[in-house]
Protein backbone atom coordinates (compact mmCIF):
# COMPACT_ATOMS: atom_id res chain seq x y z
CA UNK A 1 -7.55 -8.62 4.65
CA UNK A 2 -3.89 -10.02 2.46
CA UNK A 3 -0.53 -9.33 4.18
CA UNK A 4 2.24 -9.35 2.17
CA UNK A 5 5.72 -8.97 3.72
CA UNK A 6 7.23 -9.43 7.39
CA UNK A 7 10.69 -8.17 7.85
CA UNK A 8 12.20 -8.56 11.16
CA UNK A 9 15.45 -6.59 12.05
CA UNK A 10 18.32 -7.37 14.64
CA UNK A 11 16.75 -9.03 17.93
CA UNK A 12 14.80 -6.44 20.38
CA UNK A 13 14.34 -4.07 17.35
CA UNK A 14 11.44 -3.04 15.03
CA UNK A 15 9.50 -5.34 12.99
CA UNK A 16 7.02 -4.30 10.29
CA UNK A 17 4.29 -6.02 7.76
CA UNK A 18 2.08 -4.60 5.34
CA UNK A 19 -1.22 -5.31 4.37
CA UNK A 20 -4.32 -4.32 2.11
CA UNK A 21 -7.57 -3.70 2.54
CA UNK A 22 -10.38 -2.46 0.79
CA UNK A 23 -14.02 -1.52 2.28
CA UNK A 24 -16.67 -3.98 1.57
CA UNK A 25 -14.58 -6.72 -0.07
CA UNK A 26 -12.04 -9.28 1.51
CA UNK A 27 -10.30 -10.60 -1.66
CA UNK A 28 -8.56 -9.56 -4.28
CA UNK A 29 -9.19 -7.61 -7.24
CA UNK A 30 -10.26 -4.39 -5.74
CA UNK A 31 -12.33 -1.84 -7.10
CA UNK A 32 -10.17 0.75 -8.93
CA UNK A 33 -13.17 3.19 -8.06
CA UNK A 34 -12.50 3.12 -3.96
CA UNK A 35 -9.74 3.44 -1.83
CA UNK A 36 -7.31 0.81 -0.57
CA UNK A 37 -6.05 1.03 2.66
CA UNK A 38 -2.33 0.20 2.89
CA UNK A 39 -1.66 -1.03 6.66
CA UNK A 40 1.92 -1.01 7.91
CA UNK A 41 1.92 -2.92 11.00
CA UNK A 42 4.64 -1.85 12.93
CA UNK A 43 5.98 -3.95 16.26
CA UNK A 44 8.41 -2.11 18.71
CA UNK A 45 10.49 -4.84 20.53
CA UNK A 46 12.98 -2.36 22.26
CA UNK A 47 12.27 -1.76 26.29
CA UNK A 48 11.83 2.32 25.52
CA UNK A 49 9.79 4.16 23.70
CA UNK A 50 10.39 4.63 20.16
CA UNK A 51 9.86 6.95 17.46
CA UNK A 52 9.47 6.33 13.60
CA UNK A 53 9.11 8.06 10.46
CA UNK A 54 7.31 6.08 8.15
CA UNK A 55 7.64 7.04 4.09
CA UNK A 56 5.51 4.71 1.61
CA UNK A 57 5.71 5.40 -2.23
CA UNK A 58 2.73 3.28 -4.33
CA UNK A 59 2.56 3.16 -7.85
CA UNK A 60 0.08 1.69 -10.49
CA UNK A 61 2.75 0.61 -12.91
CA UNK A 62 6.03 -1.16 -12.02
CA UNK A 63 6.96 -0.62 -15.76
CA UNK A 64 6.76 2.94 -15.03
CA UNK A 65 7.85 4.53 -12.01
CA UNK A 66 7.34 8.02 -12.67
CA UNK A 67 3.61 7.27 -12.22
CA UNK A 68 3.46 7.54 -8.06
CA UNK A 69 2.44 8.94 -5.13
CA UNK A 70 4.42 9.36 -1.30
CA UNK A 71 3.23 9.47 1.70
CA UNK A 72 4.48 9.98 5.55
CA UNK A 73 3.77 9.33 8.87
CA UNK A 74 5.66 9.96 12.25
CA UNK A 75 4.46 7.29 14.95
CA UNK A 76 5.71 7.05 18.45
CA UNK A 77 5.47 3.49 20.02
CA UNK A 78 5.81 2.39 23.83
CA UNK A 79 8.05 -0.17 24.96
CA UNK A 80 7.10 -3.62 23.54
CA UNK A 81 4.04 -2.22 21.82
CA UNK A 82 2.50 -2.37 18.16
CA UNK A 83 0.68 0.19 15.94
CA UNK A 84 -1.01 -0.18 12.37
CA UNK A 85 -0.14 2.87 10.18
CA UNK A 86 -2.68 3.66 7.38
CA UNK A 87 -2.18 4.87 4.11
CA UNK A 88 -5.47 5.88 2.35
CA UNK A 89 -4.60 4.90 -2.17
CA UNK A 90 -6.98 6.67 -4.34
CA UNK A 91 -5.58 4.83 -7.40
CA UNK A 92 -8.18 7.65 -9.79
CA UNK A 93 -5.87 10.53 -7.89
CA UNK A 94 -4.69 12.88 -10.66
CA UNK A 95 -1.24 11.86 -9.78
CA UNK A 96 -1.95 8.31 -10.26
CA UNK A 97 -4.51 8.12 -13.62
CA UNK A 98 -1.74 8.61 -16.04
CA UNK A 99 0.19 6.47 -18.51
CA UNK A 100 -0.69 2.98 -19.86
CA UNK A 101 -2.53 2.77 -15.91
CA UNK A 102 -4.61 5.64 -17.00
CA UNK A 103 -5.84 4.46 -20.30
CA UNK A 104 -6.77 1.38 -19.06
CA UNK A 105 -8.76 3.08 -16.30
CA UNK A 106 -10.91 5.10 -18.51
CA UNK A 107 -11.01 2.56 -20.91
CA UNK A 108 -14.54 1.51 -20.87
CA UNK A 109 -14.27 -1.63 -22.97
CA UNK A 110 -11.04 -3.25 -21.25
CA UNK A 111 -12.42 -5.09 -18.58
CA UNK A 112 -8.81 -6.76 -17.62
CA UNK A 113 -7.78 -6.97 -14.43
CA UNK A 114 -4.75 -4.56 -13.58
CA UNK A 115 -1.72 -6.44 -12.15
CA UNK A 116 1.05 -4.33 -12.00
CA UNK A 117 1.35 -2.29 -8.85
CA UNK A 118 4.30 -1.52 -6.52
CA UNK A 119 4.85 0.20 -3.20
CA UNK A 120 8.16 0.90 -1.29
CA UNK A 121 8.29 1.40 2.52
CA UNK A 122 11.17 2.99 4.28
CA UNK A 123 10.74 3.29 8.13
CA UNK A 124 13.27 4.71 10.26
CA UNK A 125 13.56 4.52 13.96
CA UNK A 126 15.43 7.26 16.08
CA UNK A 127 17.34 4.89 17.15
CA UNK A 128 18.61 1.51 14.73
CA UNK A 129 18.41 0.44 11.57
CA UNK A 130 16.26 1.20 9.13
CA UNK A 131 13.52 -1.29 7.84
CA UNK A 132 12.36 -1.44 4.18
CA UNK A 133 9.22 -3.50 2.76
CA UNK A 134 8.87 -3.65 -0.79
CA UNK A 135 6.93 -5.05 -3.29
CA UNK A 136 6.88 -5.51 -7.32
CA UNK A 137 4.87 -8.14 -7.85
CA UNK A 138 1.60 -6.12 -9.13
CA UNK A 139 -0.53 -6.58 -6.33
CA UNK A 140 -3.13 -5.71 -5.48
CA UNK A 141 -4.83 -6.30 -8.48
CA UNK A 142 -7.51 -4.40 -9.46
CA UNK A 143 -10.81 -4.11 -11.33
CA UNK A 144 -13.30 -1.70 -13.02
CA UNK A 145 -16.81 -2.19 -11.84
CA UNK A 146 -19.09 -1.34 -14.46
CA UNK A 147 -22.72 -1.13 -14.37
CA UNK A 148 -24.81 -2.36 -17.45
CA UNK A 149 -28.19 -0.86 -18.18
CA UNK A 150 -30.42 -2.80 -20.44
CA UNK A 151 -34.26 -1.86 -21.75
CA UNK A 152 -36.49 -4.00 -20.32
């Protein structure tokens, strides 16, 4: 698991962090052919229950923001509790496999690592300030798993 960001707001309110995971591997770069779990860890520091709307937008190419996919989740947390909000991102989906990334993903001769991903998360609590998590550093890196067959 790779944890990227921790942004606390005013004391006693909401804290959030984001990490990536992929089944079957613990390190980046991840396999572009399998979904990647974007995990938003929410912490309610308030003394009362809170409701949140978590919106996330993910794209494979920080040079082309028109290629992206949006996710939304409603979350309720009891006082002083935490919860993970999971978004399964499939970079092979039609929304994502376009532009330069789509060309890279379908080129069997290009074995380079793709490092242009980006994400933006907005966490809107029922009460208090919004929390934003953003990353435009190309993570998580992606690779293509290619099987080569040889005649024996």
